[in-house]
Amino acid sequence: MAIKTPLKWVGSKVRLMSQLLPHLPEGKRLVEPFAGSCAVMMNTDYDEYLIADVNPDLVNLYKVMAYETDAFLRELEILFSAGYLGEAESRAVYYYAVRDAFNMSGKAFGDQSVEAAARFMYLNRHCFNGLCRYNRRGQFNVPFGKYKTNYFPLNEVRTFAEKAKRATFITAHYAETLDLVRDGDVVYCDPPYLTETGNFTAYTEGGFSHMDQGRLARRLRRLARKGISVVASNSDVETVHYLYAGFEVARLNAPRSVGAAATSQKVAAELILKSPKTIVVEAIA
């Protein structure tokens, strides 16, 4: 059974680990430029991990869970306890107060604190469907999720902290992270998925455009030419097949649960793209 992560996360690989693991080759270090909930780190057994994300709130949370675990859990317990006093309307009022405090705490300027991390986790566990979304001013703007009860992720945080002893966490654009790849590394990229309709796929105010998808594919192709093991996930659409022409392709069905109710859960086609031992150089200029 897959190890669960402390975070709720759209596109989390927890439920796909049994299908993903056979495609992750052996290596000393796993490099993840789009770490998300860290499901892959928590369910693999590499000697080292380079865990990166462009979202500073997320990376601050990684570091606080890893290095200030007890203080983080104390702060989080206070938020969870206070958040369940009163009726649903009162819980919603409290949620929005925490959200306002989070957005006013200076996080946009890199607030690296236990309080900011605990607020981010509280918002993640109580907001609508665990979404992570910001407005153009960089403010977290996901509404209250109206949960009757909510699970306190004590064991998951402890498990994360233990695994994090092998990890280095950085706030970085994927290009910066890929520049740090060295011989013997395994690269796994799980970017915001490409859609043909322009629907929501990203969790930073800058988004992740079709141009970004192309730039990422070219960078991964260059690493593959150097002999680096590269694995990527993306949606099963024509453009992705084109961008990763020459890569080995495995198709799988991934559960999706972004909807107003559990009955809205669906299954979506998803691709695992793996660099072959010999790659066609001329496929993408």
C-alpha atoms as a PDB file:
ATOM      1  CA  MET A   1       0.000   0.000   0.000  1.00  0.00           C
ATOM      2  CA  ALA A   2       1.305   3.447  -0.925  1.00  0.00           C
ATOM      3  CA  ILE A   3       2.464   5.826   1.797  1.00  0.00           C
ATOM      4  CA  LYS A   4       0.169   8.841   2.076  1.00  0.00           C
ATOM      5  CA  THR A   5       1.516  12.369   2.156  1.00  0.00           C
ATOM      6  CA  PRO A   6       0.684  15.120   4.680  1.00  0.00           C
ATOM      7  CA  LEU A   7      -0.790  17.274   1.900  1.00  0.00           C
ATOM      8  CA  LYS A   8      -3.937  16.934  -0.139  1.00  0.00           C
ATOM      9  CA  TRP A   9      -2.803  17.539  -3.692  1.00  0.00           C
ATOM     10  CA  VAL A  10      -4.414  17.698  -7.110  1.00  0.00           C
ATOM     11  CA  GLY A  11      -2.588  15.228  -9.340  1.00  0.00           C
ATOM     12  CA  SER A  12      -0.886  13.468  -6.434  1.00  0.00           C
ATOM     13  CA  LYS A  13       0.815  10.256  -7.495  1.00  0.00           C
ATOM     14  CA  VAL A  14      -0.084   8.346  -4.304  1.00  0.00           C
ATOM     15  CA  ARG A  15      -2.787   6.307  -6.022  1.00  0.00           C
ATOM     16  CA  LEU A  16      -0.578   5.693  -9.058  1.00  0.00           C
ATOM     17  CA  MET A  17       2.611   4.589  -7.331  1.00  0.00           C
ATOM     18  CA  SER A  18       2.112   0.896  -8.103  1.00  0.00           C
ATOM     19  CA  GLN A  19       1.947   1.812 -11.800  1.00  0.00           C
ATOM     20  CA  LEU A  20       4.694   4.448 -11.710  1.00  0.00           C
ATOM     21  CA  LEU A  21       7.353   2.549  -9.744  1.00  0.00           C
ATOM     22  CA  PRO A  22       8.200   0.055 -12.533  1.00  0.00           C
ATOM     23  CA  HIS A  23       9.114   3.016 -14.760  1.00  0.00           C
ATOM     24  CA  LEU A  24      11.534   4.642 -12.294  1.00  0.00           C
ATOM     25  CA  PRO A  25      15.035   3.270 -12.906  1.00  0.00           C
ATOM     26  CA  GLU A  26      17.698   2.658 -10.305  1.00  0.00           C
ATOM     27  CA  GLY A  27      20.043   5.473  -9.390  1.00  0.00           C
ATOM     28  CA  LYS A  28      21.713   7.118  -6.430  1.00  0.00           C
ATOM     29  CA  ARG A  29      19.682  10.358  -6.407  1.00  0.00           C
ATOM     30  CA  LEU A  30      16.159  11.230  -7.542  1.00  0.00           C
ATOM     31  CA  VAL A  31      15.703  14.783  -8.818  1.00  0.00           C
ATOM     32  CA  GLU A  32      12.167  16.219  -8.801  1.00  0.00           C
ATOM     33  CA  PRO A  33      11.720  19.748 -10.200  1.00  0.00           C
ATOM     34  CA  PHE A  34       7.927  19.638  -9.585  1.00  0.00           C
ATOM     35  CA  ALA A  35       7.747  17.923  -6.205  1.00  0.00           C
ATOM     36  CA  GLY A  36       4.132  18.756  -5.284  1.00  0.00           C
ATOM     37  CA  SER A  37       3.023  16.618  -2.348  1.00  0.00           C
ATOM     38  CA  CYS A  38       6.297  14.609  -2.417  1.00  0.00           C
ATOM     39  CA  ALA A  39       4.386  11.370  -3.003  1.00  0.00           C
ATOM     40  CA  VAL A  40       7.183  10.005  -5.186  1.00  0.00           C
ATOM     41  CA  MET A  41       9.882  10.778  -2.613  1.00  0.00           C
ATOM     42  CA  MET A  42       7.860   9.122   0.130  1.00  0.00           C
ATOM     43  CA  ASN A  43       7.240   5.981  -1.910  1.00  0.00           C
ATOM     44  CA  THR A  44      10.691   5.337  -3.369  1.00  0.00           C
ATOM     45  CA  ASP A  45      14.005   4.295  -1.872  1.00  0.00           C
ATOM     46  CA  TYR A  46      16.813   6.347  -3.413  1.00  0.00           C
ATOM     47  CA  ASP A  47      19.885   7.193  -1.356  1.00  0.00           C
ATOM     48  CA  GLU A  48      19.388  10.917  -1.957  1.00  0.00           C
ATOM     49  CA  TYR A  49      16.705  13.297  -3.178  1.00  0.00           C
ATOM     50  CA  LEU A  50      16.831  16.772  -4.686  1.00  0.00           C
ATOM     51  CA  ILE A  51      13.315  18.081  -4.070  1.00  0.00           C
ATOM     52  CA  ALA A  52      12.400  21.340  -5.762  1.00  0.00           C
ATOM     53  CA  ASP A  53       9.376  23.455  -6.496  1.00  0.00           C
ATOM     54  CA  VAL A  54       8.860  27.009  -7.694  1.00  0.00           C
ATOM     55  CA  ASN A  55       6.267  27.651  -4.960  1.00  0.00           C
ATOM     56  CA  PRO A  56       8.080  29.128  -1.908  1.00  0.00           C
ATOM     57  CA  ASP A  57       5.141  28.406   0.417  1.00  0.00           C
ATOM     58  CA  LEU A  58       5.355  24.731  -0.461  1.00  0.00           C
ATOM     59  CA  VAL A  59       9.127  24.517  -0.052  1.00  0.00           C
ATOM     60  CA  ASN A  60       8.938  26.346   3.290  1.00  0.00           C
ATOM     61  CA  LEU A  61       6.460  23.685   4.400  1.00  0.00           C
ATOM     62  CA  TYR A  62       8.829  20.892   3.325  1.00  0.00           C
ATOM     63  CA  LYS A  63      11.677  22.412   5.304  1.00  0.00           C
ATOM     64  CA  VAL A  64       9.649  23.131   8.439  1.00  0.00           C
ATOM     65  CA  MET A  65       8.158  19.619   8.494  1.00  0.00           C
ATOM     66  CA  ALA A  66      11.656  18.198   8.048  1.00  0.00           C
ATOM     67  CA  TYR A  67      13.698  20.365  10.400  1.00  0.00           C
ATOM     68  CA  GLU A  68      11.214  21.799  12.948  1.00  0.00           C
ATOM     69  CA  THR A  69       8.800  18.893  13.152  1.00  0.00           C
ATOM     70  CA  ASP A  70       7.670  19.178  16.769  1.00  0.00           C
ATOM     71  CA  ALA A  71       7.173  22.949  16.665  1.00  0.00           C
ATOM     72  CA  PHE A  72       5.249  22.596  13.414  1.00  0.00           C
ATOM     73  CA  LEU A  73       2.924  19.920  14.819  1.00  0.00           C
ATOM     74  CA  ARG A  74       2.222  22.018  17.932  1.00  0.00           C
ATOM     75  CA  GLU A  75       1.302  25.038  15.808  1.00  0.00           C
ATOM     76  CA  LEU A  76      -0.789  22.922  13.457  1.00  0.00           C
ATOM     77  CA  GLU A  77      -2.694  21.305  16.332  1.00  0.00           C
ATOM     78  CA  ILE A  78      -3.655  24.750  17.646  1.00  0.00           C
ATOM     79  CA  LEU A  79      -5.061  25.702  14.239  1.00  0.00           C
ATOM     80  CA  PHE A  80      -6.941  22.432  13.788  1.00  0.00           C
ATOM     81  CA  SER A  81      -8.429  22.566  17.291  1.00  0.00           C
ATOM     82  CA  ALA A  82      -9.596  26.162  17.020  1.00  0.00           C
ATOM     83  CA  GLY A  83     -10.946  25.505  13.543  1.00  0.00           C
ATOM     84  CA  TYR A  84     -13.478  22.969  14.799  1.00  0.00           C
ATOM     85  CA  LEU A  85     -15.103  25.103  17.471  1.00  0.00           C
ATOM     86  CA  GLY A  86     -18.697  26.074  16.718  1.00  0.00           C
ATOM     87  CA  GLU A  87     -20.972  25.372  13.766  1.00  0.00           C
ATOM     88  CA  ALA A  88     -20.020  25.123  10.103  1.00  0.00           C
ATOM     89  CA  GLU A  89     -20.483  28.868   9.616  1.00  0.00           C
ATOM     90  CA  SER A  90     -18.063  29.598  12.444  1.00  0.00           C
ATOM     91  CA  ARG A  91     -15.544  27.143  10.989  1.00  0.00           C
ATOM     92  CA  ALA A  92     -15.748  28.965   7.666  1.00  0.00           C
ATOM     93  CA  VAL A  93     -15.165  32.312   9.367  1.00  0.00           C
ATOM     94  CA  TYR A  94     -12.099  30.870  11.093  1.00  0.00           C
ATOM     95  CA  TYR A  95     -10.791  29.440   7.805  1.00  0.00           C
ATOM     96  CA  TYR A  96     -10.983  32.833   6.111  1.00  0.00           C
ATOM     97  CA  ALA A  97      -9.287  34.472   9.095  1.00  0.00           C
ATOM     98  CA  VAL A  98      -6.399  32.018   8.770  1.00  0.00           C
ATOM     99  CA  ARG A  99      -6.296  32.621   5.023  1.00  0.00           C
ATOM    100  CA  ASP A 100      -6.125  36.384   5.561  1.00  0.00           C
ATOM    101  CA  ALA A 101      -3.358  35.973   8.133  1.00  0.00           C
ATOM    102  CA  PHE A 102      -1.439  33.752   5.740  1.00  0.00           C
ATOM    103  CA  ASN A 103      -1.752  36.240   2.893  1.00  0.00           C
ATOM    104  CA  MET A 104      -0.777  39.186   5.132  1.00  0.00           C
ATOM    105  CA  SER A 105       2.186  37.479   6.809  1.00  0.00           C
ATOM    106  CA  GLY A 106       4.772  38.574   4.276  1.00  0.00           C
ATOM    107  CA  LYS A 107       4.837  35.171   2.603  1.00  0.00           C
ATOM    108  CA  ALA A 108       5.053  36.891  -0.771  1.00  0.00           C
ATOM    109  CA  PHE A 109       8.447  38.169   0.375  1.00  0.00           C
ATOM    110  CA  GLY A 110       9.641  34.722   1.374  1.00  0.00           C
ATOM    111  CA  ASP A 111       8.276  34.251   4.903  1.00  0.00           C
ATOM    112  CA  GLN A 112      10.169  31.197   6.124  1.00  0.00           C
ATOM    113  CA  SER A 113       8.484  30.431   9.423  1.00  0.00           C
ATOM    114  CA  VAL A 114       6.784  27.659  11.347  1.00  0.00           C
ATOM    115  CA  GLU A 115       3.621  29.771  11.535  1.00  0.00           C
ATOM    116  CA  ALA A 116       3.477  30.268   7.775  1.00  0.00           C
ATOM    117  CA  ALA A 117       4.019  26.550   7.174  1.00  0.00           C
ATOM    118  CA  ALA A 118       1.301  25.561   9.649  1.00  0.00           C
ATOM    119  CA  ARG A 119      -1.162  28.019   8.127  1.00  0.00           C
ATOM    120  CA  PHE A 120      -0.396  26.700   4.651  1.00  0.00           C
ATOM    121  CA  MET A 121      -0.999  23.118   5.803  1.00  0.00           C
ATOM    122  CA  TYR A 122      -4.210  24.118   7.590  1.00  0.00           C
ATOM    123  CA  LEU A 123      -5.490  25.834   4.439  1.00  0.00           C
ATOM    124  CA  ASN A 124      -4.534  22.849   2.312  1.00  0.00           C
ATOM    125  CA  ARG A 125      -6.417  20.410   4.531  1.00  0.00           C
ATOM    126  CA  HIS A 126      -9.531  22.588   4.832  1.00  0.00           C
ATOM    127  CA  CYS A 127      -9.895  24.327   1.471  1.00  0.00           C
ATOM    128  CA  PHE A 128     -12.034  23.135  -1.425  1.00  0.00           C
ATOM    129  CA  ASN A 129     -10.642  19.825  -2.716  1.00  0.00           C
ATOM    130  CA  GLY A 130      -7.130  20.575  -1.523  1.00  0.00           C
ATOM    131  CA  LEU A 131      -6.541  23.019  -4.370  1.00  0.00           C
ATOM    132  CA  CYS A 132      -3.501  25.291  -4.345  1.00  0.00           C
ATOM    133  CA  ARG A 133      -4.302  28.457  -6.268  1.00  0.00           C
ATOM    134  CA  TYR A 134      -3.220  32.090  -6.141  1.00  0.00           C
ATOM    135  CA  ASN A 135      -4.573  35.307  -7.593  1.00  0.00           C
ATOM    136  CA  ARG A 136      -2.500  37.772  -9.600  1.00  0.00           C
ATOM    137  CA  ARG A 137      -1.297  39.434  -6.403  1.00  0.00           C
ATOM    138  CA  GLY A 138       0.122  36.140  -5.203  1.00  0.00           C
ATOM    139  CA  GLN A 139      -2.581  35.617  -2.576  1.00  0.00           C
ATOM    140  CA  PHE A 140      -3.942  32.167  -1.799  1.00  0.00           C
ATOM    141  CA  ASN A 141      -7.605  32.366  -2.829  1.00  0.00           C
ATOM    142  CA  VAL A 142      -9.177  28.890  -2.573  1.00  0.00           C
ATOM    143  CA  PRO A 143     -12.543  28.915  -0.717  1.00  0.00           C
ATOM    144  CA  PHE A 144     -13.461  26.909   2.372  1.00  0.00           C
ATOM    145  CA  GLY A 145     -14.132  23.231   1.739  1.00  0.00           C
ATOM    146  CA  LYS A 146     -17.068  22.767   4.162  1.00  0.00           C
ATOM    147  CA  TYR A 147     -15.754  19.495   5.620  1.00  0.00           C
ATOM    148  CA  LYS A 148     -17.668  18.102   8.607  1.00  0.00           C
ATOM    149  CA  THR A 149     -14.499  16.529   9.972  1.00  0.00           C
ATOM    150  CA  ASN A 150     -10.883  16.650   8.940  1.00  0.00           C
ATOM    151  CA  TYR A 151      -7.969  14.297   9.460  1.00  0.00           C
ATOM    152  CA  PHE A 152      -4.945  15.539  11.404  1.00  0.00           C
ATOM    153  CA  PRO A 153      -1.901  14.198   9.485  1.00  0.00           C
ATOM    154  CA  LEU A 154       0.334  13.449  12.477  1.00  0.00           C
ATOM    155  CA  ASN A 155       1.733  10.138  11.225  1.00  0.00           C
ATOM    156  CA  GLU A 156       2.201  11.476   7.718  1.00  0.00           C
ATOM    157  CA  VAL A 157       4.225  14.455   8.971  1.00  0.00           C
ATOM    158  CA  ARG A 158       6.419  12.186  11.097  1.00  0.00           C
ATOM    159  CA  THR A 159       6.964   9.846   8.142  1.00  0.00           C
ATOM    160  CA  PHE A 160       7.819  12.792   5.896  1.00  0.00           C
ATOM    161  CA  ALA A 161      10.347  14.122   8.413  1.00  0.00           C
ATOM    162  CA  GLU A 162      12.079  10.749   8.594  1.00  0.00           C
ATOM    163  CA  LYS A 163      12.333  10.408   4.814  1.00  0.00           C
ATOM    164  CA  ALA A 164      13.454  14.022   4.485  1.00  0.00           C
ATOM    165  CA  LYS A 165      16.763  13.150   6.164  1.00  0.00           C
ATOM    166  CA  ARG A 166      17.868  12.009   2.703  1.00  0.00           C
ATOM    167  CA  ALA A 167      16.589  15.115   0.904  1.00  0.00           C
ATOM    168  CA  THR A 168      17.729  18.580  -0.053  1.00  0.00           C
ATOM    169  CA  PHE A 169      14.892  21.076  -0.569  1.00  0.00           C
ATOM    170  CA  ILE A 170      15.179  24.118  -2.828  1.00  0.00           C
ATOM    171  CA  THR A 171      12.850  26.794  -4.180  1.00  0.00           C
ATOM    172  CA  ALA A 172      13.725  26.882  -7.850  1.00  0.00           C
ATOM    173  CA  HIS A 173      12.389  27.089 -11.376  1.00  0.00           C
ATOM    174  CA  TYR A 174      12.556  23.713 -13.110  1.00  0.00           C
ATOM    175  CA  ALA A 175      15.350  24.960 -15.390  1.00  0.00           C
ATOM    176  CA  GLU A 176      17.524  25.839 -12.386  1.00  0.00           C
ATOM    177  CA  THR A 177      16.857  22.427 -10.859  1.00  0.00           C
ATOM    178  CA  LEU A 178      17.686  20.565 -14.059  1.00  0.00           C
ATOM    179  CA  ASP A 179      20.985  22.479 -14.249  1.00  0.00           C
ATOM    180  CA  LEU A 180      21.951  20.697 -11.006  1.00  0.00           C
ATOM    181  CA  VAL A 181      21.511  17.199 -12.458  1.00  0.00           C
ATOM    182  CA  ARG A 182      24.669  15.093 -12.397  1.00  0.00           C
ATOM    183  CA  ASP A 183      25.728  11.734 -13.790  1.00  0.00           C
ATOM    184  CA  GLY A 184      23.910   8.849 -12.153  1.00  0.00           C
ATOM    185  CA  ASP A 185      20.819  10.874 -11.242  1.00  0.00           C
ATOM    186  CA  VAL A 186      17.267   9.898 -12.108  1.00  0.00           C
ATOM    187  CA  VAL A 187      15.012  12.805 -13.116  1.00  0.00           C
ATOM    188  CA  TYR A 188      11.261  12.594 -12.598  1.00  0.00           C
ATOM    189  CA  CYS A 189       9.145  15.490 -13.856  1.00  0.00           C
ATOM    190  CA  ASP A 190       5.461  15.852 -13.001  1.00  0.00           C
ATOM    191  CA  PRO A 191       4.636  19.344 -14.325  1.00  0.00           C
ATOM    192  CA  PRO A 192       1.198  20.950 -14.474  1.00  0.00           C
ATOM    193  CA  TYR A 193      -0.403  18.907 -17.224  1.00  0.00           C
ATOM    194  CA  LEU A 194      -0.859  20.175 -20.746  1.00  0.00           C
ATOM    195  CA  THR A 195      -4.452  20.619 -21.880  1.00  0.00           C
ATOM    196  CA  GLU A 196      -5.804  21.511 -25.292  1.00  0.00           C
ATOM    197  CA  THR A 197      -8.450  23.782 -23.734  1.00  0.00           C
ATOM    198  CA  GLY A 198      -6.384  25.971 -21.405  1.00  0.00           C
ATOM    199  CA  ASN A 199      -8.181  24.695 -18.300  1.00  0.00           C
ATOM    200  CA  PHE A 200      -6.659  25.153 -14.827  1.00  0.00           C
ATOM    201  CA  THR A 201      -3.479  23.089 -14.507  1.00  0.00           C
ATOM    202  CA  ALA A 202      -1.130  25.213 -12.396  1.00  0.00           C
ATOM    203  CA  TYR A 203      -0.756  26.380  -8.812  1.00  0.00           C
ATOM    204  CA  THR A 204       1.392  29.494  -9.137  1.00  0.00           C
ATOM    205  CA  GLU A 205       0.279  32.914 -10.277  1.00  0.00           C
ATOM    206  CA  GLY A 206       2.579  32.639 -13.298  1.00  0.00           C
ATOM    207  CA  GLY A 207       0.956  29.467 -14.597  1.00  0.00           C
ATOM    208  CA  PHE A 208       2.601  26.917 -16.888  1.00  0.00           C
ATOM    209  CA  SER A 209       1.992  27.635 -20.565  1.00  0.00           C
ATOM    210  CA  HIS A 210       2.253  25.558 -23.738  1.00  0.00           C
ATOM    211  CA  MET A 211       5.598  27.287 -24.336  1.00  0.00           C
ATOM    212  CA  ASP A 212       6.792  26.114 -20.935  1.00  0.00           C
ATOM    213  CA  GLN A 213       5.776  22.569 -21.862  1.00  0.00           C
ATOM    214  CA  GLY A 214       7.906  22.760 -24.992  1.00  0.00           C
ATOM    215  CA  ARG A 215      10.916  24.206 -23.161  1.00  0.00           C
ATOM    216  CA  LEU A 216      10.708  21.498 -20.519  1.00  0.00           C
ATOM    217  CA  ALA A 217      10.518  18.726 -23.127  1.00  0.00           C
ATOM    218  CA  ARG A 218      13.597  20.082 -24.919  1.00  0.00           C
ATOM    219  CA  ARG A 219      15.569  20.252 -21.682  1.00  0.00           C
ATOM    220  CA  LEU A 220      14.619  16.690 -20.785  1.00  0.00           C
ATOM    221  CA  ARG A 221      15.587  15.547 -24.266  1.00  0.00           C
ATOM    222  CA  ARG A 222      19.029  17.138 -23.876  1.00  0.00           C
ATOM    223  CA  LEU A 223      19.530  15.369 -20.542  1.00  0.00           C
ATOM    224  CA  ALA A 224      18.497  12.067 -22.118  1.00  0.00           C
ATOM    225  CA  ARG A 225      21.075  12.557 -24.869  1.00  0.00           C
ATOM    226  CA  LYS A 226      23.715  12.862 -22.134  1.00  0.00           C
ATOM    227  CA  GLY A 227      22.683   9.496 -20.721  1.00  0.00           C
ATOM    228  CA  ILE A 228      20.599  10.765 -17.799  1.00  0.00           C
ATOM    229  CA  SER A 229      17.570   8.630 -16.946  1.00  0.00           C
ATOM    230  CA  VAL A 230      14.504  10.818 -17.498  1.00  0.00           C
ATOM    231  CA  VAL A 231      10.885  10.021 -16.665  1.00  0.00           C
ATOM    232  CA  ALA A 232       7.982  12.447 -17.083  1.00  0.00           C
ATOM    233  CA  SER A 233       4.227  12.367 -16.564  1.00  0.00           C
ATOM    234  CA  ASN A 234       1.713  14.314 -18.606  1.00  0.00           C
ATOM    235  CA  SER A 235      -1.735  14.128 -20.147  1.00  0.00           C
ATOM    236  CA  ASP A 236      -2.546  11.873 -23.081  1.00  0.00           C
ATOM    237  CA  VAL A 237      -2.936  14.548 -25.756  1.00  0.00           C
ATOM    238  CA  GLU A 238      -1.462  14.848 -29.225  1.00  0.00           C
ATOM    239  CA  THR A 239       0.896  17.702 -28.346  1.00  0.00           C
ATOM    240  CA  VAL A 240       2.556  15.678 -25.573  1.00  0.00           C
ATOM    241  CA  HIS A 241       3.136  12.764 -27.964  1.00  0.00           C
ATOM    242  CA  TYR A 242       4.804  15.198 -30.362  1.00  0.00           C
ATOM    243  CA  LEU A 243       6.957  16.907 -27.729  1.00  0.00           C
ATOM    244  CA  TYR A 244       8.259  13.582 -26.434  1.00  0.00           C
ATOM    245  CA  ALA A 245       8.636  11.803 -29.778  1.00  0.00           C
ATOM    246  CA  GLY A 246      11.271   9.084 -29.379  1.00  0.00           C
ATOM    247  CA  PHE A 247      10.539   8.528 -25.693  1.00  0.00           C
ATOM    248  CA  GLU A 248       9.069   5.252 -24.504  1.00  0.00           C
ATOM    249  CA  VAL A 249       5.366   5.785 -23.779  1.00  0.00           C
ATOM    250  CA  ALA A 250       3.172   3.962 -21.265  1.00  0.00           C
ATOM    251  CA  ARG A 251      -0.495   4.830 -20.965  1.00  0.00           C
ATOM    252  CA  LEU A 252      -2.393   4.477 -17.709  1.00  0.00           C
ATOM    253  CA  ASN A 253      -5.724   5.510 -16.246  1.00  0.00           C
ATOM    254  CA  ALA A 254      -5.448   7.966 -13.389  1.00  0.00           C
ATOM    255  CA  PRO A 255      -8.238   8.758 -10.903  1.00  0.00           C
ATOM    256  CA  ARG A 256      -9.312  12.385 -10.789  1.00  0.00           C
ATOM    257  CA  SER A 257     -11.310  13.824  -7.901  1.00  0.00           C
ATOM    258  CA  VAL A 258     -11.536  17.576  -8.565  1.00  0.00           C
ATOM    259  CA  GLY A 259     -15.260  18.145  -8.292  1.00  0.00           C
ATOM    260  CA  ALA A 260     -17.997  19.243  -5.969  1.00  0.00           C
ATOM    261  CA  ALA A 261     -18.699  15.735  -4.693  1.00  0.00           C
ATOM    262  CA  ALA A 262     -17.196  12.289  -4.501  1.00  0.00           C
ATOM    263  CA  THR A 263     -19.567  11.154  -7.232  1.00  0.00           C
ATOM    264  CA  SER A 264     -17.780  13.498  -9.620  1.00  0.00           C
ATOM    265  CA  GLN A 265     -14.610  11.415  -9.496  1.00  0.00           C
ATOM    266  CA  LYS A 266     -13.492  10.306 -12.932  1.00  0.00           C
ATOM    267  CA  VAL A 267     -10.674   8.437 -14.614  1.00  0.00           C
ATOM    268  CA  ALA A 268      -8.387  10.262 -17.048  1.00  0.00           C
ATOM    269  CA  ALA A 269      -5.804   8.941 -19.475  1.00  0.00           C
ATOM    270  CA  GLU A 270      -2.246   9.827 -18.487  1.00  0.00           C
ATOM    271  CA  LEU A 271       1.167   9.170 -19.999  1.00  0.00           C
ATOM    272  CA  ILE A 272       4.454   8.040 -18.497  1.00  0.00           C
ATOM    273  CA  LEU A 273       7.268   9.139 -20.809  1.00  0.00           C
ATOM    274  CA  LYS A 274      10.621   7.474 -20.344  1.00  0.00           C
ATOM    275  CA  SER A 275      13.871   8.288 -22.123  1.00  0.00           C
ATOM    276  CA  PRO A 276      15.051   5.333 -24.213  1.00  0.00           C
ATOM    277  CA  LYS A 277      18.635   4.057 -24.146  1.00  0.00           C
ATOM    278  CA  THR A 278      19.110   5.584 -27.595  1.00  0.00           C
ATOM    279  CA  ILE A 279      17.118   8.690 -28.445  1.00  0.00           C
ATOM    280  CA  VAL A 280      16.363  10.157 -31.851  1.00  0.00           C
ATOM    281  CA  VAL A 281      18.358  13.398 -31.918  1.00  0.00           C
ATOM    282  CA  GLU A 282      16.466  15.048 -34.753  1.00  0.00           C
ATOM    283  CA  ALA A 283      12.967  14.481 -33.350  1.00  0.00           C
ATOM    284  CA  ILE A 284      12.747  17.934 -31.763  1.00  0.00           C
ATOM    285  CA  ALA A 285      15.201  20.611 -32.819  1.00  0.00           C
END
